[in-house]
N, C-alpha and C. Protein backbone atom coordinates (compact mmCIF):
# COMPACT_ATOMS: atom_id res chain seq x y z
N MET A 1 182.84 117.23 133.46
CA MET A 1 182.50 116.31 134.11
C MET A 1 183.47 115.31 133.90
N GLU A 2 183.36 114.00 134.88
CA GLU A 2 184.58 112.99 135.36
C GLU A 2 184.16 112.11 134.63
N PRO A 3 184.68 111.72 133.63
CA PRO A 3 183.97 109.78 132.89
C PRO A 3 184.27 108.61 133.94
N PHE A 4 183.87 107.87 133.56
CA PHE A 4 183.68 106.68 134.73
C PHE A 4 184.67 105.97 133.31
N PRO A 5 185.78 104.39 133.63
CA PRO A 5 186.16 104.04 133.30
C PRO A 5 185.45 103.37 132.23
N GLY A 6 186.15 102.97 130.89
CA GLY A 6 185.85 102.23 130.01
C GLY A 6 186.29 100.61 130.07
N HIS A 7 185.26 99.97 129.72
CA HIS A 7 185.71 98.45 129.67
C HIS A 7 185.54 97.46 128.65
N ARG A 8 186.74 96.82 127.93
CA ARG A 8 186.60 96.43 127.18
C ARG A 8 185.99 94.79 126.98
N ILE A 9 184.79 94.51 126.09
CA ILE A 9 184.28 94.09 126.09
C ILE A 9 184.57 92.32 126.10
N GLU A 10 185.14 92.30 125.68
CA GLU A 10 186.06 90.71 125.88
C GLU A 10 185.69 90.89 127.51
N GLU A 11 186.77 91.71 128.64
CA GLU A 11 186.39 91.30 129.67
C GLU A 11 185.02 91.14 130.25
N LEU A 12 184.05 91.31 129.36
CA LEU A 12 182.50 91.52 130.44
C LEU A 12 182.45 90.45 130.23
N THR A 13 182.15 89.38 129.12
CA THR A 13 181.76 88.50 128.86
C THR A 13 182.68 87.57 127.91
N PRO A 14 183.97 86.97 128.79
CA PRO A 14 184.79 86.86 127.97
C PRO A 14 184.68 85.20 126.86
N SER A 15 183.16 84.78 127.29
CA SER A 15 182.98 83.42 126.36
C SER A 15 182.52 83.48 125.02
N ALA A 16 181.70 85.44 124.97
CA ALA A 16 180.92 85.54 123.98
C ALA A 16 182.01 85.89 122.46
N GLU A 17 181.46 85.87 121.55
CA GLU A 17 182.29 86.36 120.01
C GLU A 17 181.72 87.62 119.99
N TRP A 18 182.32 88.44 120.24
CA TRP A 18 182.13 90.41 119.64
C TRP A 18 182.59 90.13 118.41
N SER A 19 181.83 91.49 117.33
CA SER A 19 182.85 92.14 116.61
C SER A 19 182.56 93.74 116.56
N MET A 20 183.47 93.76 115.57
CA MET A 20 182.83 95.64 115.60
C MET A 20 181.80 96.49 114.86
N ASN A 21 180.70 95.57 114.90
CA ASN A 21 179.51 95.90 114.58
C ASN A 21 178.76 95.25 115.81
N THR A 22 178.82 95.55 117.03
CA THR A 22 177.91 95.27 118.10
C THR A 22 176.98 96.00 117.90
N CYS A 23 176.24 95.42 118.27
CA CYS A 23 174.46 96.21 118.90
C CYS A 23 174.78 96.53 120.43
N LEU A 24 173.86 97.87 120.52
CA LEU A 24 173.79 98.70 121.63
C LEU A 24 172.61 99.02 122.47
N THR A 25 171.87 99.35 123.24
CA THR A 25 170.88 100.16 123.27
C THR A 25 170.38 99.96 125.08
N VAL A 26 170.11 100.77 125.71
CA VAL A 26 169.82 101.39 127.14
C VAL A 26 168.55 101.11 127.17
N LEU A 27 168.35 100.13 128.25
CA LEU A 27 166.71 100.51 128.64
C LEU A 27 166.15 100.95 130.31
N ILE A 28 165.66 101.58 129.81
CA ILE A 28 165.09 102.28 131.14
C ILE A 28 165.77 102.96 132.39
N ASP A 29 167.14 103.29 131.56
CA ASP A 29 168.45 103.89 132.72
C ASP A 29 168.90 102.90 133.60
N SER A 30 168.57 101.54 133.58
CA SER A 30 168.76 100.34 134.35
C SER A 30 169.61 99.50 133.65
N PHE A 31 169.94 99.33 132.56
CA PHE A 31 170.31 98.11 131.94
C PHE A 31 171.39 98.55 130.36
N ILE A 32 172.63 98.10 130.25
CA ILE A 32 172.87 98.31 129.08
C ILE A 32 172.76 96.72 128.26
N CYS A 33 172.40 96.77 126.59
CA CYS A 33 172.09 95.32 126.04
C CYS A 33 173.00 95.59 124.89
N LEU A 34 173.51 94.87 124.81
CA LEU A 34 174.59 94.36 123.57
C LEU A 34 174.79 92.88 123.17
N GLY A 35 174.49 92.80 122.08
CA GLY A 35 173.91 91.68 120.97
C GLY A 35 175.11 91.60 120.51
N ASN A 36 175.94 90.13 120.19
CA ASN A 36 177.21 89.58 119.53
C ASN A 36 176.75 88.51 118.33
N CYS A 37 177.75 88.25 117.91
CA CYS A 37 177.85 87.12 116.79
C CYS A 37 177.18 85.72 117.51
N GLN A 38 176.76 85.24 118.08
CA GLN A 38 176.52 84.02 118.46
C GLN A 38 175.26 84.19 118.48
N GLY A 39 174.51 85.54 118.40
CA GLY A 39 172.90 85.36 118.66
C GLY A 39 172.93 85.80 120.07
N GLN A 40 173.88 86.20 120.74
CA GLN A 40 173.33 86.62 122.01
C GLN A 40 173.26 88.10 122.44
N ILE A 41 172.50 87.79 123.80
CA ILE A 41 172.23 89.36 123.77
C ILE A 41 172.98 89.44 125.58
N SER A 42 174.12 90.16 125.72
CA SER A 42 174.18 90.51 127.13
C SER A 42 173.98 91.69 128.22
N VAL A 43 173.11 91.28 129.09
CA VAL A 43 172.28 92.60 129.81
C VAL A 43 173.34 93.05 130.88
N PHE A 44 173.77 93.73 130.69
CA PHE A 44 174.64 94.54 131.84
C PHE A 44 173.80 95.64 132.75
N SER A 45 174.21 95.61 134.34
CA SER A 45 173.22 96.41 134.94
C SER A 45 173.83 97.74 134.88
N LEU A 46 173.46 98.83 134.88
CA LEU A 46 173.78 100.09 135.48
C LEU A 46 173.53 100.77 136.71
N ASP A 47 172.35 99.69 137.60
CA ASP A 47 172.44 100.62 139.06
C ASP A 47 173.53 100.14 140.25
N SER A 48 174.21 99.31 139.25
CA SER A 48 175.80 98.55 140.57
C SER A 48 176.90 99.38 139.35
N TYR A 49 176.82 100.08 138.41
CA TYR A 49 177.81 100.57 137.80
C TYR A 49 179.00 101.61 138.69
N CYS A 50 179.89 101.62 138.95
CA CYS A 50 180.55 102.25 139.81
C CYS A 50 182.24 102.31 138.88
N ARG A 51 183.38 102.33 139.52
CA ARG A 51 184.73 102.52 139.35
C ARG A 51 185.17 101.12 139.14
N ASP A 52 184.49 100.02 139.51
CA ASP A 52 184.95 98.82 139.94
C ASP A 52 184.33 98.09 138.70
N GLY A 53 183.30 97.87 137.63
CA GLY A 53 183.51 97.82 136.65
C GLY A 53 181.23 97.57 136.46
N LEU A 54 181.32 96.57 135.61
CA LEU A 54 179.60 96.59 134.92
C LEU A 54 179.09 95.03 135.79
N LEU A 55 178.10 94.92 135.98
CA LEU A 55 177.40 93.79 136.40
C LEU A 55 176.87 93.17 135.07
N HIS A 56 177.46 91.44 135.09
CA HIS A 56 176.24 91.05 133.45
C HIS A 56 175.55 90.57 134.45
N CYS A 57 174.76 90.53 134.56
CA CYS A 57 173.27 90.61 135.24
C CYS A 57 172.50 89.04 134.78
N ARG A 58 172.87 88.60 132.54
CA ARG A 58 172.05 87.65 132.31
C ARG A 58 172.30 87.93 130.75
N THR A 59 172.22 86.85 130.26
CA THR A 59 172.18 86.73 128.68
C THR A 59 170.84 85.98 128.31
N LEU A 60 170.50 87.05 126.83
CA LEU A 60 169.15 86.52 126.57
C LEU A 60 169.96 85.60 124.83
N GLN A 61 169.38 84.92 124.50
CA GLN A 61 169.42 84.24 123.58
C GLN A 61 168.42 84.36 121.75
N THR A 62 168.81 84.76 120.57
CA THR A 62 167.59 84.88 119.29
C THR A 62 168.66 83.50 118.61
N SER A 63 168.28 83.26 117.41
CA SER A 63 168.24 82.33 116.65
C SER A 63 169.85 81.99 117.07
N ALA A 64 170.09 80.62 116.88
CA ALA A 64 171.39 79.99 117.04
C ALA A 64 172.56 80.20 115.59
N ARG A 65 173.59 79.67 116.01
CA ARG A 65 174.53 80.31 114.80
C ARG A 65 173.95 81.82 114.06
N SER A 66 173.53 82.56 114.57
CA SER A 66 172.84 83.68 113.81
C SER A 66 173.78 84.78 114.74
N LYS A 67 173.74 86.31 114.07
CA LYS A 67 174.25 87.50 114.64
C LYS A 67 173.44 88.09 115.42
N VAL A 68 173.18 89.30 116.06
CA VAL A 68 172.44 89.98 116.91
C VAL A 68 172.53 91.62 115.91
N HIS A 69 171.58 91.60 115.19
CA HIS A 69 172.01 93.05 113.71
C HIS A 69 171.41 93.54 114.12
N GLN A 70 169.93 94.44 114.57
CA GLN A 70 169.54 95.29 115.42
C GLN A 70 168.95 95.61 117.03
N LEU A 71 168.95 96.39 117.53
CA LEU A 71 168.09 96.03 118.90
C LEU A 71 167.61 97.53 119.06
N ALA A 72 166.25 97.27 119.79
CA ALA A 72 166.16 98.54 120.52
C ALA A 72 165.17 98.09 121.48
N GLY A 73 164.99 99.24 122.52
CA GLY A 73 164.32 99.23 123.73
C GLY A 73 163.52 100.72 124.23
N ASP A 74 162.68 100.25 125.09
CA ASP A 74 162.05 101.13 125.85
C ASP A 74 161.35 100.61 127.20
N PRO A 75 160.76 102.05 128.11
CA PRO A 75 160.55 100.98 129.44
C PRO A 75 160.18 99.80 129.35
N LEU A 76 159.35 99.68 128.65
CA LEU A 76 158.84 98.07 128.47
C LEU A 76 158.90 96.89 128.16
N GLN A 77 159.78 97.56 126.67
CA GLN A 77 160.22 96.15 125.83
C GLN A 77 161.59 95.81 125.38
N LEU A 78 162.26 95.11 125.37
CA LEU A 78 163.70 94.96 124.69
C LEU A 78 163.54 94.32 123.13
N VAL A 79 163.74 94.38 122.09
CA VAL A 79 163.36 94.19 120.92
C VAL A 79 164.84 93.94 119.76
N ALA A 80 165.01 92.14 119.43
CA ALA A 80 165.84 92.36 118.56
C ALA A 80 165.36 91.61 117.29
N ALA A 81 166.50 91.97 116.16
CA ALA A 81 166.54 91.61 114.78
C ALA A 81 167.85 91.09 114.67
N ASP A 82 167.50 89.47 114.24
CA ASP A 82 169.02 88.77 113.76
C ASP A 82 168.73 88.43 112.79
N SER A 83 170.32 87.86 112.24
CA SER A 83 170.45 87.76 110.63
C SER A 83 169.93 87.10 110.01
N THR A 84 169.28 85.84 110.35
CA THR A 84 168.34 85.38 109.94
C THR A 84 166.82 85.71 109.48
N GLY A 85 166.61 87.16 109.80
CA GLY A 85 165.54 87.11 109.80
C GLY A 85 164.42 87.47 110.58
N LYS A 86 165.02 86.92 111.75
CA LYS A 86 163.95 86.58 112.98
C LYS A 86 163.85 88.10 113.48
N ILE A 87 162.58 88.53 114.42
CA ILE A 87 161.82 89.39 115.56
C ILE A 87 162.05 88.51 116.65
N TRP A 88 163.09 88.86 118.00
CA TRP A 88 162.77 88.61 119.28
C TRP A 88 162.42 89.74 120.32
N SER A 89 161.27 89.45 121.35
CA SER A 89 161.14 90.32 122.03
C SER A 89 160.80 89.96 123.41
N TRP A 90 161.48 90.86 124.58
CA TRP A 90 161.35 90.16 125.95
C TRP A 90 160.42 91.72 126.54
N SER A 91 159.96 91.03 127.44
CA SER A 91 158.64 92.29 128.51
C SER A 91 160.22 92.70 129.50
N VAL A 92 160.20 93.75 129.89
CA VAL A 92 161.28 93.86 131.34
C VAL A 92 160.70 94.36 132.07
N GLY A 93 160.81 93.49 133.54
CA GLY A 93 160.23 93.33 134.15
C GLY A 93 161.47 94.06 135.04
N LYS A 94 160.94 93.71 136.85
CA LYS A 94 161.71 94.51 138.01
C LYS A 94 162.70 92.86 138.21
N ALA A 95 163.78 93.47 138.97
CA ALA A 95 164.32 92.21 139.45
C ALA A 95 164.86 91.88 138.16
N VAL A 96 165.48 92.63 137.34
CA VAL A 96 165.74 91.92 136.36
C VAL A 96 165.36 90.72 135.42
N SER A 97 164.24 91.19 135.18
CA SER A 97 163.11 90.28 134.85
C SER A 97 163.05 90.17 133.26
N PHE A 98 163.30 89.54 132.45
CA PHE A 98 162.84 89.54 130.92
C PHE A 98 162.41 88.74 130.23
N ASP A 99 161.25 88.30 130.21
CA ASP A 99 160.40 87.26 129.77
C ASP A 99 159.74 87.58 128.20
N PRO A 100 160.06 86.36 127.72
CA PRO A 100 160.09 86.33 125.89
C PRO A 100 158.46 87.09 125.58
N VAL A 101 158.37 87.42 124.80
CA VAL A 101 156.82 88.13 123.73
C VAL A 101 157.41 87.57 122.74
N LEU A 102 157.75 87.73 121.87
CA LEU A 102 158.03 87.31 120.26
C LEU A 102 159.27 86.01 120.03
N LYS A 103 158.99 85.08 119.88
CA LYS A 103 160.29 84.14 120.10
C LYS A 103 160.26 83.44 118.39
N GLY A 104 160.96 84.71 117.65
CA GLY A 104 161.34 84.10 116.33
C GLY A 104 160.81 84.48 115.11
N VAL A 105 160.02 85.40 115.41
CA VAL A 105 159.00 85.67 114.43
C VAL A 105 160.07 86.17 113.07
N ALA A 106 159.43 85.38 111.80
CA ALA A 106 160.14 86.02 110.56
C ALA A 106 159.30 87.47 109.94
N THR A 107 160.23 88.02 109.43
CA THR A 107 159.62 88.64 108.59
C THR A 107 159.66 88.51 107.13
N ASN A 108 159.98 87.60 106.83
CA ASN A 108 160.69 87.07 105.52
C ASN A 108 161.08 88.69 104.41
N MET A 109 162.18 89.33 105.37
CA MET A 109 162.82 90.31 104.92
C MET A 109 164.56 89.81 105.49
N ASN A 110 165.34 90.43 104.58
CA ASN A 110 166.17 90.12 104.21
C ASN A 110 166.67 91.07 105.04
N THR A 111 167.48 90.55 106.22
CA THR A 111 167.93 91.36 107.77
C THR A 111 168.85 92.27 107.68
N LEU A 112 169.90 91.62 106.39
CA LEU A 112 170.47 92.08 106.28
C LEU A 112 170.82 93.74 106.16
N LEU A 113 169.49 94.08 105.17
CA LEU A 113 168.49 95.07 104.69
C LEU A 113 168.51 96.05 105.83
N LEU A 114 168.44 95.43 106.90
CA LEU A 114 167.49 96.32 108.19
C LEU A 114 168.75 97.04 108.76
N ASN A 115 168.69 98.77 108.65
CA ASN A 115 169.64 99.62 108.67
C ASN A 115 168.85 100.15 110.33
N THR A 116 167.85 100.13 110.30
CA THR A 116 166.91 100.87 111.53
C THR A 116 166.17 100.18 112.28
N MET A 117 165.42 100.49 113.50
CA MET A 117 164.61 99.79 114.45
C MET A 117 164.25 100.75 115.74
N VAL A 118 163.11 101.18 115.58
CA VAL A 118 162.41 101.93 116.71
C VAL A 118 161.32 101.54 117.34
N LEU A 119 160.66 101.36 118.42
CA LEU A 119 159.84 100.75 118.90
C LEU A 119 158.31 102.83 119.18
N THR A 120 156.94 102.13 118.88
CA THR A 120 156.36 103.03 119.43
C THR A 120 155.48 102.27 120.31
N GLU A 121 154.27 103.01 120.64
CA GLU A 121 153.11 102.28 121.95
C GLU A 121 153.66 101.06 121.66
N PHE A 122 152.63 100.46 120.09
CA PHE A 122 152.19 99.48 119.87
C PHE A 122 152.91 99.23 118.91
N PHE A 123 153.64 99.42 118.23
CA PHE A 123 154.29 99.15 116.75
C PHE A 123 155.95 98.76 117.47
N ILE A 124 156.37 97.81 116.27
CA ILE A 124 157.95 97.88 116.17
C ILE A 124 158.05 97.88 114.42
N CYS A 125 158.98 99.46 114.36
CA CYS A 125 158.89 100.19 113.01
C CYS A 125 160.79 99.56 112.75
N LEU A 126 160.11 98.62 111.46
CA LEU A 126 162.03 97.99 110.93
C LEU A 126 162.06 99.55 109.12
N GLY A 127 163.50 100.04 109.18
CA GLY A 127 163.61 100.51 108.19
C GLY A 127 164.80 99.76 107.66
N TYR A 128 164.23 99.84 106.08
CA TYR A 128 164.77 98.86 105.11
C TYR A 128 166.34 99.55 104.42
N GLY A 129 167.34 98.67 103.64
CA GLY A 129 168.05 99.55 102.63
C GLY A 129 167.36 99.79 101.34
N ASN A 130 166.00 99.22 100.91
CA ASN A 130 165.54 99.61 99.77
C ASN A 130 164.51 101.07 100.06
N GLY A 131 164.56 101.18 101.23
CA GLY A 131 163.37 102.43 101.42
C GLY A 131 162.25 101.65 102.07
N THR A 132 162.19 100.53 102.64
CA THR A 132 160.91 99.82 102.81
C THR A 132 160.92 100.38 104.11
N MET A 133 159.63 100.69 104.68
CA MET A 133 159.58 101.00 106.03
C MET A 133 157.92 99.63 106.80
N ARG A 134 158.70 99.14 107.34
CA ARG A 134 157.70 98.25 108.14
C ARG A 134 157.41 97.92 109.58
N LEU A 135 156.08 98.05 110.01
CA LEU A 135 155.53 98.37 111.26
C LEU A 135 154.92 97.00 111.69
N LEU A 136 155.29 96.60 112.75
CA LEU A 136 154.93 94.99 113.59
C LEU A 136 154.01 95.33 114.34
N CYS A 137 152.76 94.69 114.62
CA CYS A 137 152.83 94.90 116.32
C CYS A 137 153.67 94.29 117.67
N ARG A 138 154.04 94.50 118.32
CA ARG A 138 154.55 94.36 119.58
C ARG A 138 154.06 93.10 120.17
N ASP A 139 152.62 92.95 120.18
CA ASP A 139 152.34 91.89 121.12
C ASP A 139 152.64 90.66 120.16
N THR A 140 152.44 90.58 118.96
CA THR A 140 152.12 89.39 117.91
C THR A 140 152.90 89.52 117.01
N GLY A 141 153.99 90.46 116.57
CA GLY A 141 154.92 90.32 115.78
C GLY A 141 154.34 90.65 113.94
N SER A 142 152.64 90.24 114.12
CA SER A 142 151.93 90.52 112.59
C SER A 142 152.18 91.91 111.98
N VAL A 143 152.16 91.87 110.75
CA VAL A 143 152.59 92.72 109.39
C VAL A 143 150.91 93.85 109.97
N TYR A 144 151.55 95.38 110.83
CA TYR A 144 150.55 96.29 110.53
C TYR A 144 150.26 97.06 109.01
N CYS A 145 151.72 97.14 108.41
CA CYS A 145 151.48 97.80 106.78
C CYS A 145 153.09 97.81 106.69
N ASP A 146 153.24 97.88 105.47
CA ASP A 146 154.54 98.10 104.73
C ASP A 146 154.48 99.35 103.41
N VAL A 147 155.13 100.44 104.05
CA VAL A 147 155.25 101.47 103.28
C VAL A 147 156.55 102.01 102.64
N TYR A 148 156.42 102.30 101.43
CA TYR A 148 157.48 102.48 100.39
C TYR A 148 157.54 104.25 100.72
N ALA A 149 158.57 104.21 101.73
CA ALA A 149 159.03 105.31 102.81
C ALA A 149 160.08 106.59 101.84
N HIS A 150 161.00 105.80 100.71
CA HIS A 150 161.78 106.55 100.41
C HIS A 150 162.56 106.03 99.19
N ALA A 151 163.00 106.45 98.42
CA ALA A 151 163.22 105.95 97.09
C ALA A 151 164.81 105.45 96.99
N ALA A 152 165.87 105.43 98.36
CA ALA A 152 166.53 104.91 98.48
C ALA A 152 166.58 103.86 99.97
N ALA A 153 167.73 103.68 100.32
CA ALA A 153 168.44 103.42 101.22
C ALA A 153 167.41 104.37 102.52
N LEU A 154 166.57 103.42 103.41
CA LEU A 154 166.18 104.31 105.03
C LEU A 154 167.37 104.53 105.59
N THR A 155 167.59 105.12 106.36
CA THR A 155 168.87 105.53 107.26
C THR A 155 168.55 105.33 108.45
N ALA A 156 167.70 106.08 109.21
CA ALA A 156 167.24 106.69 110.38
C ALA A 156 165.79 107.01 110.53
N MET A 157 165.61 106.05 111.91
CA MET A 157 164.21 107.01 112.25
C MET A 157 164.09 106.92 113.77
N ALA A 158 162.95 107.87 113.81
CA ALA A 158 163.10 108.66 115.71
C ALA A 158 161.30 108.37 115.69
N TYR A 159 160.79 108.34 116.76
CA TYR A 159 159.57 108.34 117.05
C TYR A 159 159.56 109.53 117.83
N ASN A 160 158.29 110.57 117.75
CA ASN A 160 157.86 110.86 119.24
C ASN A 160 156.20 110.41 119.87
N SER A 161 156.89 110.02 120.58
CA SER A 161 155.26 109.60 121.10
C SER A 161 153.97 110.85 121.48
N SER A 162 154.32 111.73 122.26
CA SER A 162 153.65 112.73 122.15
C SER A 162 152.65 113.19 120.93
N SER A 163 153.49 113.44 120.12
CA SER A 163 152.21 113.76 118.71
C SER A 163 152.50 112.40 117.88
N GLN A 164 152.76 111.55 118.01
CA GLN A 164 152.42 109.79 117.24
C GLN A 164 153.16 110.28 116.19
N VAL A 165 154.17 110.73 116.30
CA VAL A 165 154.69 111.47 114.58
C VAL A 165 156.25 110.62 114.47
N LEU A 166 156.59 109.51 113.42
CA LEU A 166 157.75 109.20 113.27
C LEU A 166 158.31 109.51 111.97
N VAL A 167 159.14 109.64 112.54
CA VAL A 167 160.26 110.42 111.43
C VAL A 167 161.10 110.12 111.12
N SER A 168 161.38 109.79 109.22
CA SER A 168 162.09 109.11 108.85
C SER A 168 163.42 109.49 107.68
N VAL A 169 164.58 109.52 107.72
CA VAL A 169 165.56 109.85 106.57
C VAL A 169 166.05 108.73 106.17
N GLY A 170 166.18 109.51 104.80
CA GLY A 170 166.40 108.36 103.55
C GLY A 170 167.56 108.58 103.02
N GLU A 171 168.95 107.75 101.78
CA GLU A 171 169.74 108.55 101.58
C GLU A 171 169.11 108.72 99.77
N ASP A 172 167.80 109.30 99.37
CA ASP A 172 167.24 110.24 98.55
C ASP A 172 167.33 111.57 99.35
N GLY A 173 167.67 111.34 100.42
CA GLY A 173 167.77 113.22 100.72
C GLY A 173 166.91 113.80 101.69
N LEU A 174 165.83 113.19 101.99
CA LEU A 174 164.46 113.15 102.26
C LEU A 174 164.16 112.88 103.30
N ILE A 175 163.85 114.31 104.23
CA ILE A 175 163.42 113.93 105.57
C ILE A 175 162.12 113.44 105.61
N ARG A 176 161.01 112.83 106.08
CA ARG A 176 159.73 112.66 106.15
C ARG A 176 159.10 112.45 107.15
N ALA A 177 157.84 113.18 108.07
CA ALA A 177 157.20 112.42 108.53
C ALA A 177 156.01 111.82 108.42
N TRP A 178 155.52 111.18 109.50
CA TRP A 178 154.54 109.81 109.20
C TRP A 178 153.91 109.71 110.54
N ALA A 179 152.54 110.03 110.52
CA ALA A 179 151.49 110.05 110.93
C ALA A 179 151.28 109.04 111.55
N ILE A 180 151.49 108.06 112.70
CA ILE A 180 150.84 106.85 113.03
C ILE A 180 149.49 106.70 113.78
N ASP A 181 148.48 106.06 113.47
CA ASP A 181 147.26 106.15 114.57
C ASP A 181 147.51 105.20 115.95
N GLU A 182 147.89 105.26 116.91
CA GLU A 182 148.24 104.51 117.89
C GLU A 182 147.30 103.69 118.85
N LYS A 183 146.64 103.17 118.33
CA LYS A 183 145.38 102.27 118.51
C LYS A 183 145.63 100.81 118.63
N GLN A 184 145.70 99.91 119.81
CA GLN A 184 145.77 99.16 119.91
C GLN A 184 145.31 97.86 119.47
N GLU A 185 143.98 98.45 118.93
CA GLU A 185 143.12 97.11 118.20
C GLU A 185 143.44 96.84 116.94
N GLU A 186 143.61 97.93 116.52
CA GLU A 186 143.98 97.85 114.48
C GLU A 186 145.53 96.76 114.33
N CYS A 187 146.15 96.19 115.42
CA CYS A 187 146.95 95.98 115.09
C CYS A 187 146.36 94.30 114.72
N LYS A 188 145.70 93.90 114.94
CA LYS A 188 144.36 92.66 114.32
C LYS A 188 144.51 92.43 112.59
N VAL A 189 144.10 93.62 112.06
CA VAL A 189 144.08 93.76 110.68
C VAL A 189 144.93 94.74 110.29
N ARG A 190 145.31 94.65 109.09
CA ARG A 190 146.32 95.55 108.15
C ARG A 190 146.03 96.92 107.82
N GLY A 191 147.13 98.12 108.10
CA GLY A 191 146.76 99.16 107.76
C GLY A 191 147.62 99.96 107.57
N SER A 192 147.50 101.30 107.71
CA SER A 192 148.12 101.96 106.45
C SER A 192 149.14 103.29 107.55
N CYS A 193 150.21 103.58 106.82
CA CYS A 193 150.57 104.89 107.62
C CYS A 193 150.96 105.46 107.01
N SER A 194 150.11 107.10 107.22
CA SER A 194 150.06 108.36 105.84
C SER A 194 151.56 109.47 106.12
N ALA A 195 151.96 109.47 105.01
CA ALA A 195 152.47 110.55 105.16
C ALA A 195 152.08 112.28 105.68
N LEU A 196 152.94 113.15 106.03
CA LEU A 196 152.20 114.13 106.40
C LEU A 196 152.75 115.23 105.73
N ILE A 197 154.27 114.92 106.10
CA ILE A 197 154.96 115.88 105.08
C ILE A 197 156.89 116.27 104.84
N THR A 198 157.04 116.03 103.52
CA THR A 198 158.61 116.13 103.33
C THR A 198 159.06 117.42 104.11
N PHE A 199 160.05 117.15 104.90
CA PHE A 199 160.67 118.70 105.56
C PHE A 199 161.75 118.79 104.97
N ILE A 200 162.49 117.91 103.58
CA ILE A 200 163.47 118.72 103.56
C ILE A 200 164.75 118.01 103.10
N ARG A 201 165.41 118.22 101.71
CA ARG A 201 165.89 117.95 101.28
C ARG A 201 167.15 118.08 101.71
N THR A 202 168.50 116.43 101.79
CA THR A 202 169.02 117.06 102.78
C THR A 202 170.58 116.61 101.85
N GLY A 203 170.79 118.24 101.13
CA GLY A 203 172.21 118.40 100.44
C GLY A 203 172.24 117.14 99.28
N LYS A 204 170.97 117.02 98.61
CA LYS A 204 170.58 115.83 97.08
C LYS A 204 170.54 117.30 96.26
N ASN A 205 171.03 117.43 95.26
CA ASN A 205 170.65 118.15 94.12
C ASN A 205 169.43 117.76 92.90
């Protein structure tokens, strides 16, 4: 397997301010999205990727004077969490169209505690350093439920759309599976996320 050449971030967007903890996500096999320390998300096209470089096709903005803390994406939507505690999202369309959906929805949670973020069909799932898992409606940003998922920091999550199961892992040494009822109308009211099973302890005594 022959790799394509790498690119220095500073060369891709010289005017942006970058740091070592730059956020990265890939959308629908067509875009690379990088978040920076100025609250901006640089979108690069993979369709035009060749040995000559990446095409910077547009820049998205979150809160001014903030840092893009987390990024998540799927074929329909890009979601960003910034350092002011706000959530932003854009629907992903053809011809490099990114239309705003959520415009700075406040989470009232310390974003610096946000360790992981994944998308399900109808929800934005946030995992925090205090063990809390929060589900937000993708369309409105309203809180669907808060779950005390782990006794220590929640460090990573993954979602399986076919089984509608969300898996989380925490510093308490537990891997847990959660059942999510993906019904769009339930975004309108607060709901719950039920634990299916605790799979395994990961090296904790």
